[in-house]
Amino acid sequence: MTPEEILRVEHDIVLTLKNIYDPEIPVNIYDLGLIYEIDFDPEGVANIRMTLTAPNCPMADILVDDINTQVKKIAGVESVNIILTFEPPWDKSMMSEEALLELNLL
């Protein structure tokens, strides 16, 4: 896979993540600031390092399953590896301006 193809897939991953919403907050997980890093390798593995709004989030399994299912649909993605981390812990400052506006926090 060429560097340009890798960038295209990473872009498609971002677009896909922007269509996945936290079940408890009406904002997509990308703009919510839950995605810390996306790394797509030439072998077709999408590594997504992310967090949750709280370590004991009751919707964690559903959210991770949804990400796996949706990202695997992208052309070129063979597998998805989601790394959950709580370092740094999520807070509202990680939200995009769009998310803050959506939640009337600006």
PDB file of N, CA and C in Angstrom:
ATOM      1  N   MET A   1       0.846  -1.176   0.000  1.00  0.00           N
ATOM      2  CA  MET A   1       0.000   0.000   0.000  1.00  0.00           C
ATOM      3  C   MET A   1       0.893   1.243   0.000  1.00  0.00           C
ATOM      4  N   THR A   2       0.568   2.182  -0.846  1.00  0.00           N
ATOM      5  CA  THR A   2       1.375   3.400  -0.954  1.00  0.00           C
ATOM      6  C   THR A   2       1.065   4.342   0.218  1.00  0.00           C
ATOM      7  N   PRO A   3       1.968   5.285   0.476  1.00  0.00           N
ATOM      8  CA  PRO A   3       1.686   6.271   1.537  1.00  0.00           C
ATOM      9  C   PRO A   3       0.384   7.044   1.288  1.00  0.00           C
ATOM     10  N   GLU A   4       0.088   7.327   0.033  1.00  0.00           N
ATOM     11  CA  GLU A   4      -1.145   8.043  -0.303  1.00  0.00           C
ATOM     12  C   GLU A   4      -2.372   7.191   0.022  1.00  0.00           C
ATOM     13  N   GLU A   5      -2.288   5.886  -0.253  1.00  0.00           N
ATOM     14  CA  GLU A   5      -3.402   4.993   0.057  1.00  0.00           C
ATOM     15  C   GLU A   5      -3.610   4.878   1.567  1.00  0.00           C
ATOM     16  N   ILE A   6      -2.515   4.836   2.301  1.00  0.00           N
ATOM     17  CA  ILE A   6      -2.608   4.781   3.763  1.00  0.00           C
ATOM     18  C   ILE A   6      -3.287   6.039   4.294  1.00  0.00           C
ATOM     19  N   LEU A   7      -2.899   7.206   3.775  1.00  0.00           N
ATOM     20  CA  LEU A   7      -3.530   8.462   4.198  1.00  0.00           C
ATOM     21  C   LEU A   7      -5.019   8.484   3.852  1.00  0.00           C
ATOM     22  N   ARG A   8      -5.378   7.934   2.694  1.00  0.00           N
ATOM     23  CA  ARG A   8      -6.785   7.883   2.298  1.00  0.00           C
ATOM     24  C   ARG A   8      -7.580   7.022   3.274  1.00  0.00           C
ATOM     25  N   VAL A   9      -7.028   5.862   3.635  1.00  0.00           N
ATOM     26  CA  VAL A   9      -7.724   4.982   4.576  1.00  0.00           C
ATOM     27  C   VAL A   9      -7.837   5.650   5.945  1.00  0.00           C
ATOM     28  N   GLU A  10      -6.770   6.295   6.407  1.00  0.00           N
ATOM     29  CA  GLU A  10      -6.839   6.992   7.697  1.00  0.00           C
ATOM     30  C   GLU A  10      -7.914   8.083   7.665  1.00  0.00           C
ATOM     31  N   HIS A  11      -8.020   8.779   6.547  1.00  0.00           N
ATOM     32  CA  HIS A  11      -9.061   9.802   6.383  1.00  0.00           C
ATOM     33  C   HIS A  11     -10.443   9.155   6.442  1.00  0.00           C
ATOM     34  N   ASP A  12     -10.596   8.015   5.768  1.00  0.00           N
ATOM     35  CA  ASP A  12     -11.873   7.299   5.792  1.00  0.00           C
ATOM     36  C   ASP A  12     -12.209   6.807   7.202  1.00  0.00           C
ATOM     37  N   ILE A  13     -11.186   6.420   7.960  1.00  0.00           N
ATOM     38  CA  ILE A  13     -11.413   6.004   9.346  1.00  0.00           C
ATOM     39  C   ILE A  13     -11.958   7.171  10.160  1.00  0.00           C
ATOM     40  N   VAL A  14     -11.351   8.355   9.989  1.00  0.00           N
ATOM     41  CA  VAL A  14     -11.831   9.543  10.706  1.00  0.00           C
ATOM     42  C   VAL A  14     -13.290   9.830  10.338  1.00  0.00           C
ATOM     43  N   LEU A  15     -13.608   9.783   9.043  1.00  0.00           N
ATOM     44  CA  LEU A  15     -14.989  10.036   8.617  1.00  0.00           C
ATOM     45  C   LEU A  15     -15.953   9.022   9.230  1.00  0.00           C
ATOM     46  N   THR A  16     -15.512   7.771   9.311  1.00  0.00           N
ATOM     47  CA  THR A  16     -16.346   6.729   9.913  1.00  0.00           C
ATOM     48  C   THR A  16     -16.548   6.993  11.396  1.00  0.00           C
ATOM     49  N   LEU A  17     -15.471   7.349  12.103  1.00  0.00           N
ATOM     50  CA  LEU A  17     -15.572   7.625  13.532  1.00  0.00           C
ATOM     51  C   LEU A  17     -16.465   8.827  13.815  1.00  0.00           C
ATOM     52  N   LYS A  18     -16.532   9.756  12.863  1.00  0.00           N
ATOM     53  CA  LYS A  18     -17.395  10.928  13.030  1.00  0.00           C
ATOM     54  C   LYS A  18     -18.875  10.576  12.869  1.00  0.00           C
ATOM     55  N   ASN A  19     -19.144   9.328  12.475  1.00  0.00           N
ATOM     56  CA  ASN A  19     -20.527   8.862  12.369  1.00  0.00           C
ATOM     57  C   ASN A  19     -20.892   7.870  13.463  1.00  0.00           C
ATOM     58  N   ILE A  20     -20.016   7.730  14.451  1.00  0.00           N
ATOM     59  CA  ILE A  20     -20.284   6.864  15.595  1.00  0.00           C
ATOM     60  C   ILE A  20     -20.458   7.769  16.811  1.00  0.00           C
ATOM     61  N   TYR A  21     -21.576   7.602  17.481  1.00  0.00           N
ATOM     62  CA  TYR A  21     -21.916   8.495  18.589  1.00  0.00           C
ATOM     63  C   TYR A  21     -21.829   7.780  19.928  1.00  0.00           C
ATOM     64  N   ASP A  22     -21.364   8.517  20.916  1.00  0.00           N
ATOM     65  CA  ASP A  22     -21.392   8.025  22.283  1.00  0.00           C
ATOM     66  C   ASP A  22     -22.867   7.813  22.631  1.00  0.00           C
ATOM     67  N   PRO A  23     -23.234   6.636  23.109  1.00  0.00           N
ATOM     68  CA  PRO A  23     -24.651   6.369  23.400  1.00  0.00           C
ATOM     69  C   PRO A  23     -25.265   7.282  24.460  1.00  0.00           C
ATOM     70  N   GLU A  24     -24.426   7.923  25.261  1.00  0.00           N
ATOM     71  CA  GLU A  24     -24.951   8.752  26.346  1.00  0.00           C
ATOM     72  C   GLU A  24     -24.852  10.251  26.079  1.00  0.00           C
ATOM     73  N   ILE A  25     -24.121  10.632  25.019  1.00  0.00           N
ATOM     74  CA  ILE A  25     -23.913  12.042  24.701  1.00  0.00           C
ATOM     75  C   ILE A  25     -24.155  12.215  23.201  1.00  0.00           C
ATOM     76  N   PRO A  26     -24.945  13.188  22.791  1.00  0.00           N
ATOM     77  CA  PRO A  26     -25.282  13.323  21.364  1.00  0.00           C
ATOM     78  C   PRO A  26     -24.178  13.977  20.516  1.00  0.00           C
ATOM     79  N   VAL A  27     -22.959  13.472  20.661  1.00  0.00           N
ATOM     80  CA  VAL A  27     -21.813  13.983  19.902  1.00  0.00           C
ATOM     81  C   VAL A  27     -21.017  12.780  19.421  1.00  0.00           C
ATOM     82  N   ASN A  28     -20.474  12.868  18.205  1.00  0.00           N
ATOM     83  CA  ASN A  28     -19.686  11.747  17.707  1.00  0.00           C
ATOM     84  C   ASN A  28     -18.392  11.592  18.509  1.00  0.00           C
ATOM     85  N   ILE A  29     -17.866  10.373  18.523  1.00  0.00           N
ATOM     86  CA  ILE A  29     -16.722  10.061  19.386  1.00  0.00           C
ATOM     87  C   ILE A  29     -15.448  10.785  18.971  1.00  0.00           C
ATOM     88  N   TYR A  30     -15.344  11.156  17.705  1.00  0.00           N
ATOM     89  CA  TYR A  30     -14.155  11.871  17.247  1.00  0.00           C
ATOM     90  C   TYR A  30     -14.163  13.303  17.791  1.00  0.00           C
ATOM     91  N   ASP A  31     -15.271  14.007  17.582  1.00  0.00           N
ATOM     92  CA  ASP A  31     -15.368  15.390  18.063  1.00  0.00           C
ATOM     93  C   ASP A  31     -15.460  15.459  19.585  1.00  0.00           C
ATOM     94  N   LEU A  32     -15.910  14.382  20.193  1.00  0.00           N
ATOM     95  CA  LEU A  32     -15.963  14.322  21.650  1.00  0.00           C
ATOM     96  C   LEU A  32     -14.560  14.253  22.251  1.00  0.00           C
ATOM     97  N   GLY A  33     -13.581  13.883  21.425  1.00  0.00           N
ATOM     98  CA  GLY A  33     -12.201  13.821  21.886  1.00  0.00           C
ATOM     99  C   GLY A  33     -11.805  12.466  22.454  1.00  0.00           C
ATOM    100  N   LEU A  34     -12.585  11.439  22.133  1.00  0.00           N
ATOM    101  CA  LEU A  34     -12.279  10.103  22.655  1.00  0.00           C
ATOM    102  C   LEU A  34     -11.187   9.393  21.859  1.00  0.00           C
ATOM    103  N   ILE A  35     -10.912   9.859  20.646  1.00  0.00           N
ATOM    104  CA  ILE A  35      -9.900   9.220  19.803  1.00  0.00           C
ATOM    105  C   ILE A  35      -8.578   9.958  19.992  1.00  0.00           C
ATOM    106  N   TYR A  36      -7.579   9.247  20.508  1.00  0.00           N
ATOM    107  CA  TYR A  36      -6.269   9.842  20.750  1.00  0.00           C
ATOM    108  C   TYR A  36      -5.329   9.651  19.573  1.00  0.00           C
ATOM    109  N   GLU A  37      -5.433   8.521  18.880  1.00  0.00           N
ATOM    110  CA  GLU A  37      -4.490   8.252  17.793  1.00  0.00           C
ATOM    111  C   GLU A  37      -5.088   7.219  16.840  1.00  0.00           C
ATOM    112  N   ILE A  38      -4.832   7.428  15.554  1.00  0.00           N
ATOM    113  CA  ILE A  38      -5.203   6.461  14.518  1.00  0.00           C
ATOM    114  C   ILE A  38      -3.940   6.146  13.744  1.00  0.00           C
ATOM    115  N   ASP A  39      -3.628   4.867  13.647  1.00  0.00           N
ATOM    116  CA  ASP A  39      -2.458   4.441  12.891  1.00  0.00           C
ATOM    117  C   ASP A  39      -2.872   3.268  12.014  1.00  0.00           C
ATOM    118  N   PHE A  40      -2.791   3.462  10.724  1.00  0.00           N
ATOM    119  CA  PHE A  40      -3.143   2.410   9.778  1.00  0.00           C
ATOM    120  C   PHE A  40      -1.866   1.927   9.117  1.00  0.00           C
ATOM    121  N   ASP A  41      -1.601   0.630   9.207  1.00  0.00           N
ATOM    122  CA  ASP A  41      -0.346   0.120   8.645  1.00  0.00           C
ATOM    123  C   ASP A  41      -0.561  -0.532   7.278  1.00  0.00           C
ATOM    124  N   PRO A  42       0.518  -0.730   6.520  1.00  0.00           N
ATOM    125  CA  PRO A  42       0.405  -1.268   5.164  1.00  0.00           C
ATOM    126  C   PRO A  42      -0.197  -2.672   5.084  1.00  0.00           C
ATOM    127  N   GLU A  43      -0.230  -3.394   6.205  1.00  0.00           N
ATOM    128  CA  GLU A  43      -0.824  -4.732   6.215  1.00  0.00           C
ATOM    129  C   GLU A  43      -2.341  -4.688   6.383  1.00  0.00           C
ATOM    130  N   GLY A  44      -2.893  -3.491   6.541  1.00  0.00           N
ATOM    131  CA  GLY A  44      -4.338  -3.354   6.660  1.00  0.00           C
ATOM    132  C   GLY A  44      -4.867  -3.341   8.081  1.00  0.00           C
ATOM    133  N   VAL A  45      -3.988  -3.130   9.056  1.00  0.00           N
ATOM    134  CA  VAL A  45      -4.417  -3.093  10.459  1.00  0.00           C
ATOM    135  C   VAL A  45      -4.652  -1.640  10.882  1.00  0.00           C
ATOM    136  N   ALA A  46      -5.855  -1.381  11.361  1.00  0.00           N
ATOM    137  CA  ALA A  46      -6.198  -0.064  11.890  1.00  0.00           C
ATOM    138  C   ALA A  46      -6.036  -0.110  13.401  1.00  0.00           C
ATOM    139  N   ASN A  47      -5.046   0.611  13.903  1.00  0.00           N
ATOM    140  CA  ASN A  47      -4.819   0.717  15.347  1.00  0.00           C
ATOM    141  C   ASN A  47      -5.436   2.026  15.811  1.00  0.00           C
ATOM    142  N   ILE A  48      -6.371   1.918  16.738  1.00  0.00           N
ATOM    143  CA  ILE A  48      -7.069   3.101  17.236  1.00  0.00           C
ATOM    144  C   ILE A  48      -6.871   3.165  18.748  1.00  0.00           C
ATOM    145  N   ARG A  49      -6.162   4.196  19.189  1.00  0.00           N
ATOM    146  CA  ARG A  49      -5.958   4.409  20.624  1.00  0.00           C
ATOM    147  C   ARG A  49      -6.998   5.422  21.069  1.00  0.00           C
ATOM    148  N   MET A  50      -7.776   5.027  22.053  1.00  0.00           N
ATOM    149  CA  MET A  50      -8.898   5.870  22.464  1.00  0.00           C
ATOM    150  C   MET A  50      -9.158   5.740  23.949  1.00  0.00           C
ATOM    151  N   THR A  51     -10.059   6.569  24.410  1.00  0.00           N
ATOM    152  CA  THR A  51     -10.484   6.535  25.808  1.00  0.00           C
ATOM    153  C   THR A  51     -11.998   6.539  25.857  1.00  0.00           C
ATOM    154  N   LEU A  52     -12.519   6.565  27.046  1.00  0.00           N
ATOM    155  CA  LEU A  52     -13.950   6.687  27.285  1.00  0.00           C
ATOM    156  C   LEU A  52     -14.154   7.901  28.190  1.00  0.00           C
ATOM    157  N   THR A  53     -15.379   8.368  28.274  1.00  0.00           N
ATOM    158  CA  THR A  53     -15.630   9.531  29.114  1.00  0.00           C
ATOM    159  C   THR A  53     -15.425   9.210  30.594  1.00  0.00           C
ATOM    160  N   ALA A  54     -15.521   7.924  30.942  1.00  0.00           N
ATOM    161  CA  ALA A  54     -15.271   7.484  32.317  1.00  0.00           C
ATOM    162  C   ALA A  54     -14.793   6.032  32.283  1.00  0.00           C
ATOM    163  N   PRO A  55     -13.865   5.663  33.160  1.00  0.00           N
ATOM    164  CA  PRO A  55     -13.355   4.285  33.155  1.00  0.00           C
ATOM    165  C   PRO A  55     -14.435   3.222  33.353  1.00  0.00           C
ATOM    166  N   ASN A  56     -15.495   3.556  34.055  1.00  0.00           N
ATOM    167  CA  ASN A  56     -16.556   2.589  34.307  1.00  0.00           C
ATOM    168  C   ASN A  56     -17.757   2.779  33.377  1.00  0.00           C
ATOM    169  N   CYS A  57     -17.512   3.309  32.194  1.00  0.00           N
ATOM    170  CA  CYS A  57     -18.574   3.574  31.220  1.00  0.00           C
ATOM    171  C   CYS A  57     -19.359   2.293  30.940  1.00  0.00           C
ATOM    172  N   PRO A  58     -20.668   2.296  31.196  1.00  0.00           N
ATOM    173  CA  PRO A  58     -21.461   1.086  30.999  1.00  0.00           C
ATOM    174  C   PRO A  58     -21.656   0.713  29.527  1.00  0.00           C
ATOM    175  N   MET A  59     -21.377   1.640  28.635  1.00  0.00           N
ATOM    176  CA  MET A  59     -21.574   1.396  27.204  1.00  0.00           C
ATOM    177  C   MET A  59     -20.274   1.051  26.480  1.00  0.00           C
ATOM    178  N   ALA A  60     -19.202   0.821  27.210  1.00  0.00           N
ATOM    179  CA  ALA A  60     -17.885   0.611  26.608  1.00  0.00           C
ATOM    180  C   ALA A  60     -17.885  -0.527  25.589  1.00  0.00           C
ATOM    181  N   ASP A  61     -18.426  -1.674  25.945  1.00  0.00           N
ATOM    182  CA  ASP A  61     -18.410  -2.819  25.034  1.00  0.00           C
ATOM    183  C   ASP A  61     -19.187  -2.541  23.757  1.00  0.00           C
ATOM    184  N   ILE A  62     -20.326  -1.891  23.894  1.00  0.00           N
ATOM    185  CA  ILE A  62     -21.150  -1.567  22.727  1.00  0.00           C
ATOM    186  C   ILE A  62     -20.405  -0.599  21.816  1.00  0.00           C
ATOM    187  N   LEU A  63     -19.766   0.394  22.401  1.00  0.00           N
ATOM    188  CA  LEU A  63     -19.026   1.386  21.635  1.00  0.00           C
ATOM    189  C   LEU A  63     -17.849   0.747  20.896  1.00  0.00           C
ATOM    190  N   VAL A  64     -17.082  -0.090  21.574  1.00  0.00           N
ATOM    191  CA  VAL A  64     -15.934  -0.763  20.956  1.00  0.00           C
ATOM    192  C   VAL A  64     -16.401  -1.692  19.846  1.00  0.00           C
ATOM    193  N   ASP A  65     -17.478  -2.429  20.068  1.00  0.00           N
ATOM    194  CA  ASP A  65     -18.016  -3.320  19.028  1.00  0.00           C
ATOM    195  C   ASP A  65     -18.458  -2.524  17.804  1.00  0.00           C
ATOM    196  N   ASP A  66     -19.105  -1.396  18.031  1.00  0.00           N
ATOM    197  CA  ASP A  66     -19.565  -0.552  16.926  1.00  0.00           C
ATOM    198  C   ASP A  66     -18.381  -0.023  16.115  1.00  0.00           C
ATOM    199  N   ILE A  67     -17.341   0.429  16.801  1.00  0.00           N
ATOM    200  CA  ILE A  67     -16.141   0.914  16.107  1.00  0.00           C
ATOM    201  C   ILE A  67     -15.542  -0.201  15.266  1.00  0.00           C
ATOM    202  N   ASN A  68     -15.375  -1.385  15.863  1.00  0.00           N
ATOM    203  CA  ASN A  68     -14.831  -2.533  15.129  1.00  0.00           C
ATOM    204  C   ASN A  68     -15.641  -2.822  13.878  1.00  0.00           C
ATOM    205  N   THR A  69     -16.934  -2.914  14.034  1.00  0.00           N
ATOM    206  CA  THR A  69     -17.822  -3.249  12.915  1.00  0.00           C
ATOM    207  C   THR A  69     -17.747  -2.214  11.805  1.00  0.00           C
ATOM    208  N   GLN A  70     -17.830  -0.942  12.160  1.00  0.00           N
ATOM    209  CA  GLN A  70     -17.874   0.116  11.152  1.00  0.00           C
ATOM    210  C   GLN A  70     -16.525   0.321  10.456  1.00  0.00           C
ATOM    211  N   VAL A  71     -15.430   0.295  11.200  1.00  0.00           N
ATOM    212  CA  VAL A  71     -14.117   0.528  10.600  1.00  0.00           C
ATOM    213  C   VAL A  71     -13.729  -0.640   9.698  1.00  0.00           C
ATOM    214  N   LYS A  72     -14.129  -1.856  10.033  1.00  0.00           N
ATOM    215  CA  LYS A  72     -13.828  -3.023   9.189  1.00  0.00           C
ATOM    216  C   LYS A  72     -14.502  -2.940   7.818  1.00  0.00           C
ATOM    217  N   LYS A  73     -15.530  -2.128   7.686  1.00  0.00           N
ATOM    218  CA  LYS A  73     -16.231  -1.961   6.411  1.00  0.00           C
ATOM    219  C   LYS A  73     -15.443  -1.114   5.420  1.00  0.00           C
ATOM    220  N   ILE A  74     -14.408  -0.425   5.883  1.00  0.00           N
ATOM    221  CA  ILE A  74     -13.639   0.474   5.020  1.00  0.00           C
ATOM    222  C   ILE A  74     -12.729  -0.350   4.116  1.00  0.00           C
ATOM    223  N   ALA A  75     -12.723  -0.016   2.830  1.00  0.00           N
ATOM    224  CA  ALA A  75     -11.864  -0.710   1.866  1.00  0.00           C
ATOM    225  C   ALA A  75     -10.411  -0.608   2.296  1.00  0.00           C
ATOM    226  N   GLY A  76      -9.741  -1.742   2.364  1.00  0.00           N
ATOM    227  CA  GLY A  76      -8.340  -1.784   2.733  1.00  0.00           C
ATOM    228  C   GLY A  76      -8.097  -2.179   4.177  1.00  0.00           C
ATOM    229  N   VAL A  77      -9.126  -2.060   5.023  1.00  0.00           N
ATOM    230  CA  VAL A  77      -8.982  -2.430   6.435  1.00  0.00           C
ATOM    231  C   VAL A  77      -9.222  -3.927   6.578  1.00  0.00           C
ATOM    232  N   GLU A  78      -8.205  -4.629   7.047  1.00  0.00           N
ATOM    233  CA  GLU A  78      -8.310  -6.077   7.264  1.00  0.00           C
ATOM    234  C   GLU A  78      -8.694  -6.396   8.701  1.00  0.00           C
ATOM    235  N   SER A  79      -8.183  -5.600   9.640  1.00  0.00           N
ATOM    236  CA  SER A  79      -8.515  -5.819  11.050  1.00  0.00           C
ATOM    237  C   SER A  79      -8.405  -4.508  11.811  1.00  0.00           C
ATOM    238  N   VAL A  80      -9.042  -4.491  12.978  1.00  0.00           N
ATOM    239  CA  VAL A  80      -9.058  -3.297  13.818  1.00  0.00           C
ATOM    240  C   VAL A  80      -8.544  -3.682  15.199  1.00  0.00           C
ATOM    241  N   ASN A  81      -7.627  -2.900  15.695  1.00  0.00           N
ATOM    242  CA  ASN A  81      -7.070  -3.100  17.029  1.00  0.00           C
ATOM    243  C   ASN A  81      -7.372  -1.843  17.844  1.00  0.00           C
ATOM    244  N   ILE A  82      -8.269  -1.974  18.805  1.00  0.00           N
ATOM    245  CA  ILE A  82      -8.637  -0.827  19.641  1.00  0.00           C
ATOM    246  C   ILE A  82      -7.899  -0.930  20.963  1.00  0.00           C
ATOM    247  N   ILE A  83      -7.151   0.117  21.268  1.00  0.00           N
ATOM    248  CA  ILE A  83      -6.402   0.189  22.519  1.00  0.00           C
ATOM    249  C   ILE A  83      -7.100   1.206  23.414  1.00  0.00           C
ATOM    250  N   LEU A  84      -7.731   0.712  24.474  1.00  0.00           N
ATOM    251  CA  LEU A  84      -8.376   1.612  25.436  1.00  0.00           C
ATOM    252  C   LEU A  84      -7.348   2.076  26.454  1.00  0.00           C
ATOM    253  N   THR A  85      -7.320   3.374  26.680  1.00  0.00           N
ATOM    254  CA  THR A  85      -6.406   3.943  27.665  1.00  0.00           C
ATOM    255  C   THR A  85      -7.129   5.023  28.456  1.00  0.00           C
ATOM    256  N   PHE A  86      -6.661   5.235  29.640  1.00  0.00           N
ATOM    257  CA  PHE A  86      -7.232   6.306  30.452  1.00  0.00           C
ATOM    258  C   PHE A  86      -6.148   7.298  30.862  1.00  0.00           C
ATOM    259  N   GLU A  87      -5.072   7.293  30.083  1.00  0.00           N
ATOM    260  CA  GLU A  87      -3.973   8.237  30.270  1.00  0.00           C
ATOM    261  C   GLU A  87      -3.750   8.980  28.968  1.00  0.00           C
ATOM    262  N   PRO A  88      -3.971  10.216  28.864  1.00  0.00           N
ATOM    263  CA  PRO A  88      -4.534  11.066  29.913  1.00  0.00           C
ATOM    264  C   PRO A  88      -6.035  10.813  30.055  1.00  0.00           C
ATOM    265  N   PRO A  89      -6.564  11.093  31.224  1.00  0.00           N
ATOM    266  CA  PRO A  89      -8.008  10.937  31.401  1.00  0.00           C
ATOM    267  C   PRO A  89      -8.758  11.958  30.546  1.00  0.00           C
ATOM    268  N   TRP A  90      -9.906  11.529  30.025  1.00  0.00           N
ATOM    269  CA  TRP A  90     -10.712  12.424  29.199  1.00  0.00           C
ATOM    270  C   TRP A  90     -11.297  13.541  30.057  1.00  0.00           C
ATOM    271  N   ASP A  91     -11.349  14.730  29.457  1.00  0.00           N
ATOM    272  CA  ASP A  91     -12.106  15.831  30.065  1.00  0.00           C
ATOM    273  C   ASP A  91     -12.651  16.710  28.941  1.00  0.00           C
ATOM    274  N   LYS A  92     -13.501  17.629  29.276  1.00  0.00           N
ATOM    275  CA  LYS A  92     -14.212  18.444  28.284  1.00  0.00           C
ATOM    276  C   LYS A  92     -13.284  19.268  27.404  1.00  0.00           C
ATOM    277  N   SER A  93     -12.079  19.541  27.862  1.00  0.00           N
ATOM    278  CA  SER A  93     -11.147  20.335  27.057  1.00  0.00           C
ATOM    279  C   SER A  93     -10.699  19.582  25.801  1.00  0.00           C
ATOM    280  N   MET A  94     -10.948  18.287  25.731  1.00  0.00           N
ATOM    281  CA  MET A  94     -10.554  17.486  24.573  1.00  0.00           C
ATOM    282  C   MET A  94     -11.597  17.531  23.455  1.00  0.00           C
ATOM    283  N   MET A  95     -12.735  18.135  23.733  1.00  0.00           N
ATOM    284  CA  MET A  95     -13.807  18.207  22.749  1.00  0.00           C
ATOM    285  C   MET A  95     -13.494  19.254  21.681  1.00  0.00           C
ATOM    286  N   SER A  96     -13.945  18.980  20.459  1.00  0.00           N
ATOM    287  CA  SER A  96     -13.780  19.957  19.385  1.00  0.00           C
ATOM    288  C   SER A  96     -14.734  21.122  19.611  1.00  0.00           C
ATOM    289  N   GLU A  97     -14.470  22.208  18.907  1.00  0.00           N
ATOM    290  CA  GLU A  97     -15.350  23.365  18.998  1.00  0.00           C
ATOM    291  C   GLU A  97     -16.767  23.002  18.565  1.00  0.00           C
ATOM    292  N   GLU A  98     -16.876  22.144  17.543  1.00  0.00           N
ATOM    293  CA  GLU A  98     -18.192  21.712  17.062  1.00  0.00           C
ATOM    294  C   GLU A  98     -18.961  20.986  18.162  1.00  0.00           C
ATOM    295  N   ALA A  99     -18.253  20.117  18.899  1.00  0.00           N
ATOM    296  CA  ALA A  99     -18.901  19.375  19.984  1.00  0.00           C
ATOM    297  C   ALA A  99     -19.346  20.318  21.094  1.00  0.00           C
ATOM    298  N   LEU A 100     -18.502  21.261  21.437  1.00  0.00           N
ATOM    299  CA  LEU A 100     -18.856  22.231  22.480  1.00  0.00           C
ATOM    300  C   LEU A 100     -20.083  23.037  22.080  1.00  0.00           C
ATOM    301  N   LEU A 101     -20.140  23.439  20.808  1.00  0.00           N
ATOM    302  CA  LEU A 101     -21.303  24.180  20.322  1.00  0.00           C
ATOM    303  C   LEU A 101     -22.548  23.306  20.364  1.00  0.00           C
ATOM    304  N   GLU A 102     -22.420  22.047  19.942  1.00  0.00           N
ATOM    305  CA  GLU A 102     -23.557  21.119  19.933  1.00  0.00           C
ATOM    306  C   GLU A 102     -24.156  20.943  21.329  1.00  0.00           C
ATOM    307  N   LEU A 103     -23.300  20.944  22.326  1.00  0.00           N
ATOM    308  CA  LEU A 103     -23.750  20.753  23.706  1.00  0.00           C
ATOM    309  C   LEU A 103     -23.978  22.067  24.449  1.00  0.00           C
ATOM    310  N   ASN A 104     -23.941  23.180  23.696  1.00  0.00           N
ATOM    311  CA  ASN A 104     -24.144  24.516  24.269  1.00  0.00           C
ATOM    312  C   ASN A 104     -23.162  24.821  25.392  1.00  0.00           C
ATOM    313  N   LEU A 105     -21.910  24.416  25.195  1.00  0.00           N
ATOM    314  CA  LEU A 105     -20.875  24.677  26.199  1.00  0.00           C
ATOM    315  C   LEU A 105     -19.970  25.843  25.808  1.00  0.00           C
ATOM    316  N   LEU A 106     -20.244  26.467  24.673  1.00  0.00           N
ATOM    317  CA  LEU A 106     -19.474  27.644  24.248  1.00  0.00           C
ATOM    318  C   LEU A 106     -20.348  28.871  24.290  1.00  0.00           C
TER     319      LEU A 106
END
